[in-house]
Amino acid sequence: MRLLKSGKPSPVRLTPVAWRTRYVARSDSRTDPKDRVITPELLTSLSGSGIARFLSARKLGSPRLDVTRNTAVVQVQELDAALETPRVKQHVWSINWRVETDPGKPDDYVGYEAWGLFRKIDGVLRPLYLAAREAWSTGENSDYFYLLATGDLDGDGIDEMIAREMVFEGEQDYVQLWAWEHGRPVVICKIP
């Protein structure tokens, strides 16, 4: 796939994004030997005031949800991408996480799934972009985004991102091409 800003072809270079690191609660039986225990730094970042305001504005915050006690899984990728300033790469973290209470009890379930792009400011991960939605105990909403590659596909100096949306049923996965516009990723193309 190639986007052209002008009639002049330019070489397109995509940089693969590193595989995600999966973190689970200490009490969780790790299904993969590579799983790690959720770190205090991650919990501090995910419980920050900016994220709390974001969740509250979307009516996803609940007094029953405590990030420190109720975070079920966190998936982290690190990458370098030019998103805000043309041709200026910054270190970015892509983080997917799920916070839940009473999993397996549909009548008493509270939770949300969130994804964000973060950067480190004064030694703390701060959100650059956030998205979230209510989660269900059946796992049907358990999709998350896994970044595959970044690169400037249209020559404007801002990197586009190729992402895989991994959904509850594997055969429903999508590959998406995102452009970074007005401080957020915008879907340019979605392929089932």
Protein backbone atom coordinates (compact mmCIF):
# COMPACT_ATOMS: atom_id res chain seq x y z
CA MET A 1 0.00 0.00 0.00
CA ARG A 2 1.37 3.41 -0.86
CA LEU A 3 0.09 6.93 -0.32
CA LEU A 4 1.44 9.74 -2.45
CA LYS A 5 1.23 13.39 -1.49
CA SER A 6 2.57 14.52 -4.88
CA GLY A 7 3.22 12.85 -8.19
CA LYS A 8 6.83 12.13 -7.19
CA PRO A 9 7.38 8.59 -5.95
CA SER A 10 9.52 8.34 -2.86
CA PRO A 11 10.94 5.28 -1.14
CA VAL A 12 8.72 4.04 1.65
CA ARG A 13 10.45 2.66 4.70
CA LEU A 14 8.44 0.89 7.33
CA THR A 15 9.96 0.20 10.73
CA PRO A 16 8.64 -2.91 12.47
CA VAL A 17 7.34 -2.34 15.99
CA ALA A 18 8.61 -4.69 18.69
CA TRP A 19 6.37 -7.52 19.88
CA ARG A 20 4.23 -6.64 22.88
CA THR A 21 5.09 -7.48 26.47
CA ARG A 22 2.12 -8.88 28.37
CA TYR A 23 1.72 -8.08 32.07
CA VAL A 24 -0.82 -9.82 34.31
CA ALA A 25 -1.86 -9.51 37.96
CA ARG A 26 0.38 -11.26 40.48
CA SER A 27 -2.55 -13.53 41.43
CA ASP A 28 -3.17 -14.56 37.81
CA SER A 29 -1.84 -17.91 36.65
CA ARG A 30 0.35 -16.90 33.74
CA THR A 31 -0.69 -18.71 30.58
CA ASP A 32 2.50 -17.80 28.78
CA PRO A 33 5.93 -18.23 30.40
CA LYS A 34 6.89 -14.82 28.94
CA ASP A 35 4.11 -13.04 30.89
CA ARG A 36 5.33 -10.58 33.51
CA VAL A 37 3.73 -9.28 36.68
CA ILE A 38 2.16 -5.81 36.37
CA THR A 39 4.66 -3.26 37.67
CA PRO A 40 3.98 -0.41 40.12
CA GLU A 41 5.15 2.04 37.41
CA LEU A 42 2.46 0.79 35.02
CA LEU A 43 -0.23 0.99 37.72
CA THR A 44 0.85 4.53 38.59
CA SER A 45 0.71 5.56 34.93
CA LEU A 46 -2.69 3.94 34.34
CA SER A 47 -4.23 5.52 37.43
CA GLY A 48 -3.09 9.06 36.63
CA SER A 49 -5.47 12.00 36.91
CA GLY A 50 -5.58 12.55 33.13
CA ILE A 51 -6.76 8.99 32.55
CA ALA A 52 -9.23 9.19 35.45
CA ARG A 53 -10.78 12.37 33.95
CA PHE A 54 -10.93 10.73 30.51
CA LEU A 55 -12.71 7.63 31.90
CA SER A 56 -15.10 9.72 33.99
CA ALA A 57 -16.03 11.86 30.97
CA ARG A 58 -16.93 8.68 29.09
CA LYS A 59 -18.83 7.32 32.10
CA LEU A 60 -16.45 4.36 32.41
CA GLY A 61 -15.13 5.27 35.82
CA SER A 62 -16.72 3.52 38.78
CA PRO A 63 -16.04 3.69 42.52
CA ARG A 64 -15.87 -0.12 42.36
CA LEU A 65 -12.88 0.00 40.02
CA ASP A 66 -9.45 0.50 41.51
CA VAL A 67 -6.63 0.27 38.97
CA THR A 68 -4.24 -0.99 41.65
CA ARG A 69 -6.52 -3.91 42.61
CA ASN A 70 -8.56 -4.52 39.44
CA THR A 71 -6.14 -4.34 36.51
CA ALA A 72 -6.36 -7.74 34.82
CA VAL A 73 -3.92 -7.40 31.93
CA VAL A 74 -1.61 -4.79 30.40
CA GLN A 75 0.03 -5.17 26.99
CA VAL A 76 2.89 -2.82 26.18
CA GLN A 77 4.84 -2.02 23.03
CA GLU A 78 7.62 0.54 22.67
CA LEU A 79 8.40 2.36 19.43
CA ASP A 80 9.93 5.49 17.97
CA ALA A 81 7.65 7.52 15.71
CA ALA A 82 7.28 11.04 14.34
CA LEU A 83 3.71 11.89 15.35
CA GLU A 84 3.58 15.50 16.52
CA THR A 85 6.48 17.15 14.67
CA PRO A 86 7.47 16.21 11.12
CA ARG A 87 10.64 14.07 10.96
CA VAL A 88 11.18 14.31 14.75
CA LYS A 89 10.95 10.83 16.27
CA GLN A 90 9.89 10.45 19.88
CA HIS A 91 9.80 7.35 22.05
CA VAL A 92 6.19 6.20 22.42
CA TRP A 93 4.51 3.41 24.36
CA SER A 94 1.39 1.70 23.01
CA ILE A 95 -0.51 0.32 26.01
CA ASN A 96 -3.67 -1.80 26.05
CA TRP A 97 -5.18 -2.58 29.44
CA ARG A 98 -8.29 -4.07 31.00
CA VAL A 99 -9.65 -3.22 34.45
CA GLU A 100 -12.43 -5.42 35.81
CA THR A 101 -14.28 -6.58 38.89
CA ASP A 102 -16.05 -9.89 39.37
CA PRO A 103 -14.99 -11.54 36.09
CA GLY A 104 -17.27 -14.39 35.13
CA LYS A 105 -20.30 -12.86 36.87
CA PRO A 106 -22.29 -11.13 34.09
CA ASP A 107 -24.89 -9.71 36.49
CA ASP A 108 -22.32 -7.97 38.67
CA TYR A 109 -19.57 -7.13 36.24
CA VAL A 110 -17.89 -3.74 36.01
CA GLY A 111 -14.98 -3.03 33.74
CA TYR A 112 -13.42 -1.21 30.84
CA GLU A 113 -10.81 -1.82 28.18
CA ALA A 114 -8.52 0.99 27.15
CA TRP A 115 -5.76 1.70 24.69
CA GLY A 116 -3.44 4.63 24.53
CA LEU A 117 -0.27 6.04 23.15
CA PHE A 118 2.00 7.39 25.88
CA ARG A 119 5.26 9.26 26.15
CA LYS A 120 7.49 9.82 29.14
CA ILE A 121 7.42 13.31 30.64
CA ASP A 122 9.51 14.00 33.75
CA GLY A 123 10.06 10.25 34.13
CA VAL A 124 6.32 9.38 34.11
CA LEU A 125 4.27 7.87 31.28
CA ARG A 126 1.65 10.44 30.21
CA PRO A 127 -1.10 9.84 27.63
CA LEU A 128 -0.71 11.30 24.17
CA TYR A 129 -3.96 9.67 23.00
CA LEU A 130 -6.58 7.54 24.78
CA ALA A 131 -9.54 5.37 23.75
CA ALA A 132 -11.71 3.18 25.99
CA ARG A 133 -15.00 1.32 26.19
CA GLU A 134 -17.02 -0.76 28.58
CA ALA A 135 -15.92 -4.39 28.85
CA TRP A 136 -18.08 -7.45 29.41
CA SER A 137 -17.32 -10.56 31.42
CA THR A 138 -17.99 -12.83 28.44
CA GLY A 139 -14.80 -11.59 26.79
CA GLU A 140 -16.63 -10.64 23.60
CA ASN A 141 -15.14 -7.15 23.72
CA SER A 142 -11.61 -8.35 24.40
CA ASP A 143 -10.03 -6.89 21.30
CA TYR A 144 -6.90 -4.84 21.42
CA PHE A 145 -4.55 -3.05 19.06
CA TYR A 146 -1.13 -4.40 18.24
CA LEU A 147 1.10 -2.06 16.24
CA LEU A 148 2.95 -3.80 13.43
CA ALA A 149 4.97 -1.02 11.80
CA THR A 150 5.37 2.73 11.42
CA GLY A 151 6.64 4.86 8.58
CA ASP A 152 6.03 8.03 6.63
CA LEU A 153 3.99 6.71 3.72
CA ASP A 154 2.87 10.03 2.23
CA GLY A 155 6.05 12.12 2.58
CA ASP A 156 4.67 14.69 5.04
CA GLY A 157 7.20 13.80 7.77
CA ILE A 158 4.53 12.36 10.11
CA ASP A 159 4.53 8.60 10.51
CA GLU A 160 1.56 6.47 9.64
CA MET A 161 0.96 3.33 11.68
CA ILE A 162 -0.05 -0.14 10.58
CA ALA A 163 -2.03 -1.85 13.32
CA ARG A 164 -3.68 -5.20 13.85
CA GLU A 165 -6.98 -5.11 15.68
CA MET A 166 -7.12 -8.46 17.42
CA VAL A 167 -10.68 -9.33 18.34
CA PHE A 168 -12.35 -12.01 20.45
CA GLU A 169 -12.51 -14.51 17.59
CA GLY A 170 -9.21 -14.72 15.69
CA GLU A 171 -10.80 -14.98 12.25
CA GLN A 172 -12.25 -11.49 12.74
CA ASP A 173 -8.90 -9.68 13.03
CA TYR A 174 -8.38 -6.53 10.97
CA VAL A 175 -5.28 -4.82 9.64
CA GLN A 176 -5.61 -1.05 9.66
CA LEU A 177 -3.61 1.86 8.27
CA TRP A 178 -3.70 4.90 10.56
CA ALA A 179 -2.65 8.46 9.86
CA TRP A 180 -1.85 10.80 12.77
CA GLU A 181 -4.07 13.86 12.41
CA HIS A 182 -5.06 16.54 14.92
CA GLY A 183 -3.50 14.65 17.85
CA ARG A 184 -5.11 11.29 17.19
CA PRO A 185 -4.90 8.23 14.93
CA VAL A 186 -7.38 8.27 12.06
CA VAL A 187 -8.28 5.07 10.21
CA ILE A 188 -7.36 5.41 6.51
CA CYS A 189 -7.96 1.80 5.52
CA LYS A 190 -9.30 -1.31 7.29
CA ILE A 191 -8.81 -4.79 5.82
CA PRO A 192 -10.59 -7.84 7.27
